[in-house]
PDB file of N, CA and C in Angstrom:
ATOM      1  N   UNK A   1       0.844  -1.171   0.002  1.00  0.00           N
ATOM      2  CA  UNK A   1       0.000  -0.001  -0.001  1.00  0.00           C
ATOM      3  C   UNK A   1       0.897   1.227  -0.005  1.00  0.00           C
ATOM      4  N   UNK A   2       0.576   2.196  -0.848  1.00  0.00           N
ATOM      5  CA  UNK A   2       1.299   3.450  -0.925  1.00  0.00           C
ATOM      6  C   UNK A   2       0.562   4.484  -0.091  1.00  0.00           C
ATOM      7  N   UNK A   3       1.309   5.142   0.725  1.00  0.00           N
ATOM      8  CA  UNK A   3       0.699   6.182   1.552  1.00  0.00           C
ATOM      9  C   UNK A   3       1.247   7.520   1.080  1.00  0.00           C
ATOM     10  N   UNK A   4       0.369   8.443   0.819  1.00  0.00           N
ATOM     11  CA  UNK A   4       0.758   9.762   0.349  1.00  0.00           C
ATOM     12  C   UNK A   4       0.222  10.787   1.345  1.00  0.00           C
ATOM     13  N   UNK A   5       1.121  11.601   1.860  1.00  0.00           N
ATOM     14  CA  UNK A   5       0.718  12.656   2.803  1.00  0.00           C
ATOM     15  C   UNK A   5       0.629  13.971   2.030  1.00  0.00           C
ATOM     16  N   UNK A   6      -0.506  14.587   2.096  1.00  0.00           N
ATOM     17  CA  UNK A   6      -0.728  15.846   1.386  1.00  0.00           C
ATOM     18  C   UNK A   6      -0.973  16.924   2.440  1.00  0.00           C
ATOM     19  N   UNK A   7      -0.233  18.002   2.311  1.00  0.00           N
ATOM     20  CA  UNK A   7      -0.424  19.127   3.226  1.00  0.00           C
ATOM     21  C   UNK A   7      -1.197  20.203   2.488  1.00  0.00           C
ATOM     22  N   UNK A   8      -2.279  20.638   3.071  1.00  0.00           N
ATOM     23  CA  UNK A   8      -3.109  21.673   2.481  1.00  0.00           C
ATOM     24  C   UNK A   8      -2.945  22.939   3.307  1.00  0.00           C
ATOM     25  N   UNK A   9      -2.541  24.006   2.643  1.00  0.00           N
ATOM     26  CA  UNK A   9      -2.424  25.278   3.320  1.00  0.00           C
ATOM     27  C   UNK A   9      -3.500  26.203   2.790  1.00  0.00           C
ATOM     28  N   UNK A  10      -4.314  26.706   3.678  1.00  0.00           N
ATOM     29  CA  UNK A  10      -5.346  27.651   3.292  1.00  0.00           C
ATOM     30  C   UNK A  10      -5.065  28.971   3.990  1.00  0.00           C
ATOM     31  N   UNK A  11      -5.381  30.058   3.305  1.00  0.00           N
ATOM     32  CA  UNK A  11      -5.210  31.382   3.878  1.00  0.00           C
ATOM     33  C   UNK A  11      -6.576  31.990   4.164  1.00  0.00           C
ATOM     34  N   UNK A  12      -6.637  32.687   5.278  1.00  0.00           N
ATOM     35  CA  UNK A  12      -7.873  33.356   5.662  1.00  0.00           C
ATOM     36  C   UNK A  12      -7.581  34.834   5.882  1.00  0.00           C
ATOM     37  N   UNK A  13      -8.512  35.654   5.450  1.00  0.00           N
ATOM     38  CA  UNK A  13      -8.387  37.107   5.589  1.00  0.00           C
ATOM     39  C   UNK A  13      -8.316  37.472   7.056  1.00  0.00           C
ATOM     40  N   UNK A  14      -7.271  38.216   7.430  1.00  0.00           N
ATOM     41  CA  UNK A  14      -7.094  38.610   8.826  1.00  0.00           C
ATOM     42  C   UNK A  14      -8.136  39.621   9.297  1.00  0.00           C
ATOM     43  N   UNK A  15      -8.819  40.295   8.362  1.00  0.00           N
ATOM     44  CA  UNK A  15      -9.812  41.279   8.752  1.00  0.00           C
ATOM     45  C   UNK A  15     -11.192  40.657   8.973  1.00  0.00           C
ATOM     46  N   UNK A  16     -11.660  39.876   7.996  1.00  0.00           N
ATOM     47  CA  UNK A  16     -13.015  39.344   8.119  1.00  0.00           C
ATOM     48  C   UNK A  16     -13.104  37.830   8.268  1.00  0.00           C
ATOM     49  N   UNK A  17     -11.953  37.149   8.246  1.00  0.00           N
ATOM     50  CA  UNK A  17     -11.938  35.709   8.479  1.00  0.00           C
ATOM     51  C   UNK A  17     -12.338  34.858   7.285  1.00  0.00           C
ATOM     52  N   UNK A  18     -12.673  35.486   6.149  1.00  0.00           N
ATOM     53  CA  UNK A  18     -13.074  34.744   4.963  1.00  0.00           C
ATOM     54  C   UNK A  18     -11.874  34.021   4.349  1.00  0.00           C
ATOM     55  N   UNK A  19     -12.135  32.862   3.734  1.00  0.00           N
ATOM     56  CA  UNK A  19     -11.083  32.115   3.043  1.00  0.00           C
ATOM     57  C   UNK A  19     -10.622  32.919   1.831  1.00  0.00           C
ATOM     58  N   UNK A  20      -9.300  32.915   1.614  1.00  0.00           N
ATOM     59  CA  UNK A  20      -8.718  33.614   0.459  1.00  0.00           C
ATOM     60  C   UNK A  20      -8.423  32.570  -0.614  1.00  0.00           C
ATOM     61  N   UNK A  21      -8.931  32.787  -1.824  1.00  0.00           N
ATOM     62  CA  UNK A  21      -8.678  31.868  -2.924  1.00  0.00           C
ATOM     63  C   UNK A  21      -7.197  31.756  -3.199  1.00  0.00           C
ATOM     64  N   UNK A  22      -6.767  30.595  -3.668  1.00  0.00           N
ATOM     65  CA  UNK A  22      -5.341  30.333  -3.936  1.00  0.00           C
ATOM     66  C   UNK A  22      -4.723  31.424  -4.792  1.00  0.00           C
ATOM     67  N   UNK A  23      -3.581  31.912  -4.351  1.00  0.00           N
ATOM     68  CA  UNK A  23      -2.818  32.897  -5.105  1.00  0.00           C
ATOM     69  C   UNK A  23      -3.314  34.314  -5.005  1.00  0.00           C
ATOM     70  N   UNK A  24      -4.393  34.549  -4.266  1.00  0.00           N
ATOM     71  CA  UNK A  24      -4.953  35.897  -4.200  1.00  0.00           C
ATOM     72  C   UNK A  24      -4.682  36.596  -2.873  1.00  0.00           C
ATOM     73  N   UNK A  25      -3.972  35.951  -1.973  1.00  0.00           N
ATOM     74  CA  UNK A  25      -3.664  36.575  -0.686  1.00  0.00           C
ATOM     75  C   UNK A  25      -2.689  37.737  -0.899  1.00  0.00           C
ATOM     76  N   UNK A  26      -2.972  38.866  -0.264  1.00  0.00           N
ATOM     77  CA  UNK A  26      -2.088  40.022  -0.348  1.00  0.00           C
ATOM     78  C   UNK A  26      -1.643  40.378   1.076  1.00  0.00           C
ATOM     79  N   UNK A  27      -0.334  40.394   1.281  1.00  0.00           N
ATOM     80  CA  UNK A  27       0.212  40.756   2.593  1.00  0.00           C
ATOM     81  C   UNK A  27       0.407  42.252   2.632  1.00  0.00           C
ATOM     82  N   UNK A  28      -0.193  42.898   3.603  1.00  0.00           N
ATOM     83  CA  UNK A  28      -0.080  44.348   3.791  1.00  0.00           C
ATOM     84  C   UNK A  28       0.775  44.582   5.029  1.00  0.00           C
ATOM     85  N   UNK A  29       1.815  45.403   4.885  1.00  0.00           N
ATOM     86  CA  UNK A  29       2.668  45.776   6.009  1.00  0.00           C
ATOM     87  C   UNK A  29       2.567  47.268   6.205  1.00  0.00           C
ATOM     88  N   UNK A  30       2.478  47.706   7.464  1.00  0.00           N
ATOM     89  CA  UNK A  30       2.429  49.123   7.748  1.00  0.00           C
ATOM     90  C   UNK A  30       2.967  49.384   9.158  1.00  0.00           C
ATOM     91  N   UNK A  31       3.346  50.632   9.406  1.00  0.00           N
ATOM     92  CA  UNK A  31       3.911  51.000  10.679  1.00  0.00           C
ATOM     93  C   UNK A  31       3.167  52.205  11.224  1.00  0.00           C
ATOM     94  N   UNK A  32       2.805  52.152  12.491  1.00  0.00           N
ATOM     95  CA  UNK A  32       2.154  53.274  13.166  1.00  0.00           C
ATOM     96  C   UNK A  32       2.915  53.520  14.459  1.00  0.00           C
ATOM     97  N   UNK A  33       3.414  54.720  14.629  1.00  0.00           N
ATOM     98  CA  UNK A  33       4.146  55.138  15.834  1.00  0.00           C
ATOM     99  C   UNK A  33       5.233  54.138  16.226  1.00  0.00           C
ATOM    100  N   UNK A  34       5.977  53.694  15.225  1.00  0.00           N
ATOM    101  CA  UNK A  34       7.118  52.821  15.472  1.00  0.00           C
ATOM    102  C   UNK A  34       6.794  51.350  15.632  1.00  0.00           C
ATOM    103  N   UNK A  35       5.531  50.976  15.612  1.00  0.00           N
ATOM    104  CA  UNK A  35       5.142  49.571  15.717  1.00  0.00           C
ATOM    105  C   UNK A  35       4.730  49.064  14.336  1.00  0.00           C
ATOM    106  N   UNK A  36       5.375  48.007  13.867  1.00  0.00           N
ATOM    107  CA  UNK A  36       5.091  47.462  12.536  1.00  0.00           C
ATOM    108  C   UNK A  36       4.025  46.380  12.639  1.00  0.00           C
ATOM    109  N   UNK A  37       3.151  46.352  11.650  1.00  0.00           N
ATOM    110  CA  UNK A  37       2.061  45.380  11.578  1.00  0.00           C
ATOM    111  C   UNK A  37       2.083  44.709  10.218  1.00  0.00           C
ATOM    112  N   UNK A  38       1.520  43.498  10.164  1.00  0.00           N
ATOM    113  CA  UNK A  38       1.396  42.762   8.907  1.00  0.00           C
ATOM    114  C   UNK A  38       0.076  41.995   8.959  1.00  0.00           C
ATOM    115  N   UNK A  39      -0.631  41.972   7.830  1.00  0.00           N
ATOM    116  CA  UNK A  39      -1.869  41.188   7.750  1.00  0.00           C
ATOM    117  C   UNK A  39      -2.046  40.683   6.327  1.00  0.00           C
ATOM    118  N   UNK A  40      -2.706  39.544   6.218  1.00  0.00           N
ATOM    119  CA  UNK A  40      -3.022  38.941   4.917  1.00  0.00           C
ATOM    120  C   UNK A  40      -4.486  39.244   4.619  1.00  0.00           C
ATOM    121  N   UNK A  41      -4.728  39.778   3.441  1.00  0.00           N
ATOM    122  CA  UNK A  41      -6.077  40.184   3.070  1.00  0.00           C
ATOM    123  C   UNK A  41      -6.455  39.671   1.693  1.00  0.00           C
ATOM    124  N   UNK A  42      -7.768  39.515   1.488  1.00  0.00           N
ATOM    125  CA  UNK A  42      -8.301  39.248   0.158  1.00  0.00           C
ATOM    126  C   UNK A  42      -8.147  40.533  -0.661  1.00  0.00           C
ATOM    127  N   UNK A  43      -8.122  40.457  -1.972  1.00  0.00           N
ATOM    128  CA  UNK A  43      -7.963  41.658  -2.804  1.00  0.00           C
ATOM    129  C   UNK A  43      -8.969  42.751  -2.460  1.00  0.00           C
ATOM    130  N   UNK A  44     -10.218  42.378  -2.189  1.00  0.00           N
ATOM    131  CA  UNK A  44     -11.265  43.352  -1.876  1.00  0.00           C
ATOM    132  C   UNK A  44     -10.901  44.140  -0.610  1.00  0.00           C
ATOM    133  N   UNK A  45     -10.465  43.440   0.432  1.00  0.00           N
ATOM    134  CA  UNK A  45     -10.125  44.124   1.685  1.00  0.00           C
ATOM    135  C   UNK A  45      -8.804  44.889   1.591  1.00  0.00           C
ATOM    136  N   UNK A  46      -7.875  44.389   0.778  1.00  0.00           N
ATOM    137  CA  UNK A  46      -6.606  45.114   0.580  1.00  0.00           C
ATOM    138  C   UNK A  46      -6.902  46.465  -0.081  1.00  0.00           C
ATOM    139  N   UNK A  47      -7.778  46.452  -1.070  1.00  0.00           N
ATOM    140  CA  UNK A  47      -8.140  47.694  -1.742  1.00  0.00           C
ATOM    141  C   UNK A  47      -8.898  48.607  -0.780  1.00  0.00           C
ATOM    142  N   UNK A  48      -9.773  48.054   0.004  1.00  0.00           N
ATOM    143  CA  UNK A  48     -10.524  48.824   0.999  1.00  0.00           C
ATOM    144  C   UNK A  48      -9.580  49.468   2.006  1.00  0.00           C
ATOM    145  N   UNK A  49      -8.573  48.727   2.457  1.00  0.00           N
ATOM    146  CA  UNK A  49      -7.581  49.252   3.401  1.00  0.00           C
ATOM    147  C   UNK A  49      -6.843  50.448   2.779  1.00  0.00           C
ATOM    148  N   UNK A  50      -6.357  50.280   1.545  1.00  0.00           N
ATOM    149  CA  UNK A  50      -5.655  51.367   0.876  1.00  0.00           C
ATOM    150  C   UNK A  50      -6.552  52.578   0.697  1.00  0.00           C
ATOM    151  N   UNK A  51      -7.795  52.338   0.333  1.00  0.00           N
ATOM    152  CA  UNK A  51      -8.759  53.429   0.127  1.00  0.00           C
ATOM    153  C   UNK A  51      -8.994  54.183   1.425  1.00  0.00           C
ATOM    154  N   UNK A  52      -9.136  53.447   2.532  1.00  0.00           N
ATOM    155  CA  UNK A  52      -9.360  54.077   3.848  1.00  0.00           C
ATOM    156  C   UNK A  52      -8.165  54.941   4.258  1.00  0.00           C
ATOM    157  N   UNK A  53      -6.964  54.542   3.864  1.00  0.00           N
ATOM    158  CA  UNK A  53      -5.771  55.297   4.238  1.00  0.00           C
ATOM    159  C   UNK A  53      -5.546  56.545   3.387  1.00  0.00           C
ATOM    160  N   UNK A  54      -6.153  56.608   2.203  1.00  0.00           N
ATOM    161  CA  UNK A  54      -5.894  57.710   1.291  1.00  0.00           C
ATOM    162  C   UNK A  54      -6.041  59.079   1.932  1.00  0.00           C
ATOM    163  N   UNK A  55      -7.124  59.303   2.699  1.00  0.00           N
ATOM    164  CA  UNK A  55      -7.337  60.623   3.293  1.00  0.00           C
ATOM    165  C   UNK A  55      -6.273  60.960   4.326  1.00  0.00           C
ATOM    166  N   UNK A  56      -5.779  59.954   5.039  1.00  0.00           N
ATOM    167  CA  UNK A  56      -4.741  60.181   6.046  1.00  0.00           C
ATOM    168  C   UNK A  56      -3.397  60.427   5.366  1.00  0.00           C
ATOM    169  N   UNK A  57      -3.115  59.683   4.323  1.00  0.00           N
ATOM    170  CA  UNK A  57      -1.863  59.853   3.599  1.00  0.00           C
ATOM    171  C   UNK A  57      -1.842  61.235   2.928  1.00  0.00           C
ATOM    172  N   UNK A  58      -2.971  61.666   2.408  1.00  0.00           N
ATOM    173  CA  UNK A  58      -3.057  62.958   1.731  1.00  0.00           C
ATOM    174  C   UNK A  58      -2.725  64.104   2.700  1.00  0.00           C
ATOM    175  N   UNK A  59      -3.044  63.932   3.979  1.00  0.00           N
ATOM    176  CA  UNK A  59      -2.797  64.991   4.977  1.00  0.00           C
ATOM    177  C   UNK A  59      -1.418  64.864   5.615  1.00  0.00           C
ATOM    178  N   UNK A  60      -0.741  63.756   5.393  1.00  0.00           N
ATOM    179  CA  UNK A  60       0.541  63.489   6.051  1.00  0.00           C
ATOM    180  C   UNK A  60       1.720  64.047   5.245  1.00  0.00           C
ATOM    181  N   UNK A  61       2.854  64.120   5.932  1.00  0.00           N
ATOM    182  CA  UNK A  61       4.103  64.520   5.299  1.00  0.00           C
ATOM    183  C   UNK A  61       4.983  63.295   5.223  1.00  0.00           C
ATOM    184  N   UNK A  62       5.474  62.978   4.039  1.00  0.00           N
ATOM    185  CA  UNK A  62       6.358  61.820   3.857  1.00  0.00           C
ATOM    186  C   UNK A  62       7.706  62.140   4.510  1.00  0.00           C
ATOM    187  N   UNK A  63       8.217  61.207   5.325  1.00  0.00           N
ATOM    188  CA  UNK A  63       9.446  61.480   6.060  1.00  0.00           C
ATOM    189  C   UNK A  63      10.697  60.943   5.395  1.00  0.00           C
ATOM    190  N   UNK A  64      10.599  60.070   4.436  1.00  0.00           N
ATOM    191  CA  UNK A  64      11.756  59.643   3.662  1.00  0.00           C
ATOM    192  C   UNK A  64      11.285  59.148   2.313  1.00  0.00           C
ATOM    193  N   UNK A  65      12.234  58.997   1.398  1.00  0.00           N
ATOM    194  CA  UNK A  65      11.878  58.648   0.024  1.00  0.00           C
ATOM    195  C   UNK A  65      11.764  57.200  -0.271  1.00  0.00           C
ATOM    196  N   UNK A  66      12.062  56.328   0.709  1.00  0.00           N
ATOM    197  CA  UNK A  66      12.010  54.897   0.457  1.00  0.00           C
ATOM    198  C   UNK A  66      10.654  54.334   0.809  1.00  0.00           C
ATOM    199  N   UNK A  67      10.292  53.272   0.123  1.00  0.00           N
ATOM    200  CA  UNK A  67       9.053  52.599   0.469  1.00  0.00           C
ATOM    201  C   UNK A  67       9.256  51.785   1.736  1.00  0.00           C
ATOM    202  N   UNK A  68       8.181  51.407   2.380  1.00  0.00           N
ATOM    203  CA  UNK A  68       8.297  50.648   3.622  1.00  0.00           C
ATOM    204  C   UNK A  68       8.891  49.274   3.386  1.00  0.00           C
ATOM    205  N   UNK A  69       8.817  48.748   2.173  1.00  0.00           N
ATOM    206  CA  UNK A  69       9.384  47.437   1.886  1.00  0.00           C
ATOM    207  C   UNK A  69      10.901  47.462   1.930  1.00  0.00           C
ATOM    208  N   UNK A  70      11.517  48.638   1.747  1.00  0.00           N
ATOM    209  CA  UNK A  70      12.966  48.704   1.734  1.00  0.00           C
ATOM    210  C   UNK A  70      13.564  48.749   3.146  1.00  0.00           C
ATOM    211  N   UNK A  71      12.705  48.881   4.132  1.00  0.00           N
ATOM    212  CA  UNK A  71      13.189  48.940   5.501  1.00  0.00           C
ATOM    213  C   UNK A  71      12.812  47.654   6.226  1.00  0.00           C
ATOM    214  N   UNK A  72      13.680  47.232   7.108  1.00  0.00           N
ATOM    215  CA  UNK A  72      13.349  46.084   7.953  1.00  0.00           C
ATOM    216  C   UNK A  72      12.898  46.641   9.284  1.00  0.00           C
ATOM    217  N   UNK A  73      11.807  46.121   9.862  1.00  0.00           N
ATOM    218  CA  UNK A  73      11.347  46.611  11.137  1.00  0.00           C
ATOM    219  C   UNK A  73      12.429  46.512  12.200  1.00  0.00           C
ATOM    220  N   UNK A  74      12.545  47.571  12.980  1.00  0.00           N
ATOM    221  CA  UNK A  74      13.480  47.557  14.099  1.00  0.00           C
ATOM    222  C   UNK A  74      14.929  47.849  13.734  1.00  0.00           C
ATOM    223  N   UNK A  75      15.194  48.087  12.463  1.00  0.00           N
ATOM    224  CA  UNK A  75      16.558  48.342  12.028  1.00  0.00           C
ATOM    225  C   UNK A  75      16.642  49.789  11.571  1.00  0.00           C
ATOM    226  N   UNK A  76      17.712  50.460  11.939  1.00  0.00           N
ATOM    227  CA  UNK A  76      17.897  51.857  11.559  1.00  0.00           C
ATOM    228  C   UNK A  76      17.984  52.029  10.054  1.00  0.00           C
ATOM    229  N   UNK A  77      17.921  53.254   9.630  1.00  0.00           N
ATOM    230  CA  UNK A  77      17.901  53.543   8.204  1.00  0.00           C
ATOM    231  C   UNK A  77      19.230  53.252   7.532  1.00  0.00           C
ATOM    232  N   UNK A  78      20.297  53.139   8.301  1.00  0.00           N
ATOM    233  CA  UNK A  78      21.589  52.790   7.715  1.00  0.00           C
ATOM    234  C   UNK A  78      22.324  54.007   7.203  1.00  0.00           C
ATOM    235  N   UNK A  79      23.264  53.773   6.319  1.00  0.00           N
ATOM    236  CA  UNK A  79      24.140  54.838   5.846  1.00  0.00           C
ATOM    237  C   UNK A  79      23.476  55.815   4.903  1.00  0.00           C
ATOM    238  N   UNK A  80      24.165  56.923   4.726  1.00  0.00           N
ATOM    239  CA  UNK A  80      23.687  57.991   3.858  1.00  0.00           C
ATOM    240  C   UNK A  80      23.920  57.601   2.395  1.00  0.00           C
ATOM    241  N   UNK A  81      23.127  58.140   1.511  1.00  0.00           N
ATOM    242  CA  UNK A  81      23.318  57.910   0.095  1.00  0.00           C
ATOM    243  C   UNK A  81      23.917  59.150  -0.555  1.00  0.00           C
ATOM    244  N   UNK A  82      24.609  59.944   0.200  1.00  0.00           N
ATOM    245  CA  UNK A  82      25.206  61.173  -0.312  1.00  0.00           C
ATOM    246  C   UNK A  82      26.609  60.881  -0.848  1.00  0.00           C
ATOM    247  N   UNK A  83      27.036  61.717  -1.760  1.00  0.00           N
ATOM    248  CA  UNK A  83      28.374  61.570  -2.326  1.00  0.00           C
ATOM    249  C   UNK A  83      29.403  62.062  -1.329  1.00  0.00           C
ATOM    250  N   UNK A  84      30.667  61.742  -1.595  1.00  0.00           N
ATOM    251  CA  UNK A  84      31.756  62.255  -0.752  1.00  0.00           C
ATOM    252  C   UNK A  84      31.758  63.769  -0.740  1.00  0.00           C
ATOM    253  N   UNK A  85      31.506  64.356  -1.903  1.00  0.00           N
ATOM    254  CA  UNK A  85      31.470  65.814  -2.011  1.00  0.00           C
ATOM    255  C   UNK A  85      30.312  66.392  -1.176  1.00  0.00           C
ATOM    256  N   UNK A  86      29.183  65.727  -1.243  1.00  0.00           N
ATOM    257  CA  UNK A  86      28.015  66.160  -0.462  1.00  0.00           C
ATOM    258  C   UNK A  86      28.281  66.107   1.023  1.00  0.00           C
ATOM    259  N   UNK A  87      28.918  65.017   1.469  1.00  0.00           N
ATOM    260  CA  UNK A  87      29.252  64.876   2.882  1.00  0.00           C
ATOM    261  C   UNK A  87      30.285  65.931   3.312  1.00  0.00           C
ATOM    262  N   UNK A  88      31.245  66.210   2.427  1.00  0.00           N
ATOM    263  CA  UNK A  88      32.228  67.250   2.728  1.00  0.00           C
ATOM    264  C   UNK A  88      31.553  68.606   2.875  1.00  0.00           C
ATOM    265  N   UNK A  89      30.571  68.873   2.016  1.00  0.00           N
ATOM    266  CA  UNK A  89      29.834  70.135   2.100  1.00  0.00           C
ATOM    267  C   UNK A  89      29.071  70.239   3.398  1.00  0.00           C
ATOM    268  N   UNK A  90      28.485  69.144   3.851  1.00  0.00           N
ATOM    269  CA  UNK A  90      27.762  69.144   5.132  1.00  0.00           C
ATOM    270  C   UNK A  90      28.747  69.414   6.266  1.00  0.00           C
ATOM    271  N   UNK A  91      29.882  68.733   6.264  1.00  0.00           N
ATOM    272  CA  UNK A  91      30.886  68.958   7.304  1.00  0.00           C
ATOM    273  C   UNK A  91      31.362  70.408   7.332  1.00  0.00           C
ATOM    274  N   UNK A  92      31.641  70.965   6.154  1.00  0.00           N
ATOM    275  CA  UNK A  92      32.088  72.349   6.050  1.00  0.00           C
ATOM    276  C   UNK A  92      31.026  73.296   6.592  1.00  0.00           C
ATOM    277  N   UNK A  93      29.772  73.106   6.169  1.00  0.00           N
ATOM    278  CA  UNK A  93      28.680  73.948   6.621  1.00  0.00           C
ATOM    279  C   UNK A  93      28.524  73.828   8.129  1.00  0.00           C
ATOM    280  N   UNK A  94      28.558  72.577   8.651  1.00  0.00           N
ATOM    281  CA  UNK A  94      28.392  72.357  10.084  1.00  0.00           C
ATOM    282  C   UNK A  94      29.467  73.062  10.884  1.00  0.00           C
ATOM    283  N   UNK A  95      30.726  72.978  10.428  1.00  0.00           N
ATOM    284  CA  UNK A  95      31.842  73.609  11.139  1.00  0.00           C
ATOM    285  C   UNK A  95      31.662  75.124  11.199  1.00  0.00           C
ATOM    286  N   UNK A  96      31.093  75.718  10.161  1.00  0.00           N
ATOM    287  CA  UNK A  96      30.887  77.167  10.102  1.00  0.00           C
ATOM    288  C   UNK A  96      29.585  77.609  10.753  1.00  0.00           C
ATOM    289  N   UNK A  97      28.808  76.650  11.240  1.00  0.00           N
ATOM    290  CA  UNK A  97      27.533  76.995  11.862  1.00  0.00           C
ATOM    291  C   UNK A  97      27.399  76.452  13.278  1.00  0.00           C
ATOM    292  N   UNK A  98      28.540  76.231  13.933  1.00  0.00           N
ATOM    293  CA  UNK A  98      28.535  75.892  15.342  1.00  0.00           C
ATOM    294  C   UNK A  98      28.309  74.429  15.686  1.00  0.00           C
ATOM    295  N   UNK A  99      28.347  73.536  14.711  1.00  0.00           N
ATOM    296  CA  UNK A  99      28.197  72.110  14.985  1.00  0.00           C
ATOM    297  C   UNK A  99      29.571  71.459  15.055  1.00  0.00           C
ATOM    298  N   UNK A 100      29.715  70.485  15.922  1.00  0.00           N
ATOM    299  CA  UNK A 100      30.952  69.741  16.008  1.00  0.00           C
ATOM    300  C   UNK A 100      30.789  68.440  15.236  1.00  0.00           C
ATOM    301  N   UNK A 101      31.607  68.285  14.209  1.00  0.00           N
ATOM    302  CA  UNK A 101      31.582  67.052  13.416  1.00  0.00           C
ATOM    303  C   UNK A 101      33.024  66.594  13.208  1.00  0.00           C
ATOM    304  N   UNK A 102      33.209  65.286  13.175  1.00  0.00           N
ATOM    305  CA  UNK A 102      34.559  64.760  12.942  1.00  0.00           C
ATOM    306  C   UNK A 102      34.869  64.788  11.447  1.00  0.00           C
ATOM    307  N   UNK A 103      36.149  64.648  11.134  1.00  0.00           N
ATOM    308  CA  UNK A 103      36.573  64.669   9.737  1.00  0.00           C
ATOM    309  C   UNK A 103      36.152  63.419   8.999  1.00  0.00           C
ATOM    310  N   UNK A 104      35.897  62.338   9.730  1.00  0.00           N
ATOM    311  CA  UNK A 104      35.470  61.073   9.128  1.00  0.00           C
ATOM    312  C   UNK A 104      34.359  60.465   9.964  1.00  0.00           C
ATOM    313  N   UNK A 105      33.703  59.500   9.380  1.00  0.00           N
ATOM    314  CA  UNK A 105      32.663  58.772  10.112  1.00  0.00           C
ATOM    315  C   UNK A 105      31.281  59.363   9.916  1.00  0.00           C
ATOM    316  N   UNK A 106      30.375  58.865  10.722  1.00  0.00           N
ATOM    317  CA  UNK A 106      28.970  59.222  10.612  1.00  0.00           C
ATOM    318  C   UNK A 106      28.737  60.665  11.034  1.00  0.00           C
ATOM    319  N   UNK A 107      27.855  61.336  10.309  1.00  0.00           N
ATOM    320  CA  UNK A 107      27.423  62.679  10.668  1.00  0.00           C
ATOM    321  C   UNK A 107      26.067  62.543  11.362  1.00  0.00           C
ATOM    322  N   UNK A 108      25.911  63.175  12.507  1.00  0.00           N
ATOM    323  CA  UNK A 108      24.669  63.072  13.284  1.00  0.00           C
ATOM    324  C   UNK A 108      23.475  63.501  12.423  1.00  0.00           C
ATOM    325  N   UNK A 109      22.377  62.808  12.605  1.00  0.00           N
ATOM    326  CA  UNK A 109      21.151  63.089  11.852  1.00  0.00           C
ATOM    327  C   UNK A 109      20.719  64.538  12.034  1.00  0.00           C
ATOM    328  N   UNK A 110      20.851  65.070  13.259  1.00  0.00           N
ATOM    329  CA  UNK A 110      20.437  66.441  13.532  1.00  0.00           C
ATOM    330  C   UNK A 110      21.227  67.421  12.667  1.00  0.00           C
ATOM    331  N   UNK A 111      22.519  67.156  12.460  1.00  0.00           N
ATOM    332  CA  UNK A 111      23.355  68.021  11.649  1.00  0.00           C
ATOM    333  C   UNK A 111      22.917  67.954  10.187  1.00  0.00           C
ATOM    334  N   UNK A 112      22.674  66.757   9.692  1.00  0.00           N
ATOM    335  CA  UNK A 112      22.234  66.583   8.296  1.00  0.00           C
ATOM    336  C   UNK A 112      20.894  67.250   8.098  1.00  0.00           C
ATOM    337  N   UNK A 113      19.970  67.089   9.042  1.00  0.00           N
ATOM    338  CA  UNK A 113      18.652  67.718   8.926  1.00  0.00           C
ATOM    339  C   UNK A 113      18.768  69.241   8.933  1.00  0.00           C
ATOM    340  N   UNK A 114      19.644  69.771   9.810  1.00  0.00           N
ATOM    341  CA  UNK A 114      19.847  71.217   9.855  1.00  0.00           C
ATOM    342  C   UNK A 114      20.431  71.720   8.539  1.00  0.00           C
ATOM    343  N   UNK A 115      21.374  70.981   7.990  1.00  0.00           N
ATOM    344  CA  UNK A 115      21.974  71.333   6.690  1.00  0.00           C
ATOM    345  C   UNK A 115      20.902  71.332   5.603  1.00  0.00           C
ATOM    346  N   UNK A 116      20.099  70.268   5.560  1.00  0.00           N
ATOM    347  CA  UNK A 116      19.051  70.178   4.547  1.00  0.00           C
ATOM    348  C   UNK A 116      18.046  71.322   4.683  1.00  0.00           C
ATOM    349  N   UNK A 117      17.705  71.671   5.920  1.00  0.00           N
ATOM    350  CA  UNK A 117      16.736  72.761   6.153  1.00  0.00           C
ATOM    351  C   UNK A 117      17.322  74.110   5.692  1.00  0.00           C
ATOM    352  N   UNK A 118      18.633  74.267   5.811  1.00  0.00           N
ATOM    353  CA  UNK A 118      19.274  75.517   5.432  1.00  0.00           C
ATOM    354  C   UNK A 118      19.469  75.629   3.919  1.00  0.00           C
ATOM    355  N   UNK A 119      19.354  74.540   3.226  1.00  0.00           N
ATOM    356  CA  UNK A 119      19.588  74.554   1.781  1.00  0.00           C
ATOM    357  C   UNK A 119      18.307  74.226   1.085  1.00  0.00           C
TER     358      UNK A 119
END
């Protein structure tokens, strides 16, 4: 006798509990006040979620240019994407505007933000 074990994986919508048809599950990830969330939704509820957020997003200010998928929860933003010349300009500006910065290494976020605000 041949025995065959079959594993069946079904997905259910985290919002309404309905079964999600094969291949139609959409994972939505979002962060609110530093806490990251993830949920699996049917296409209808994923669209509803995005639609509900539109009014809030329209009133909000985007804080960085990367999408949330490019960040890992709990991990800092990492290094700067500025050129050597750009970093040198920030260091020069900072030194002439009362900020203490080293000749090498990381530049404090506050200094970079102040530089960006001044330019």
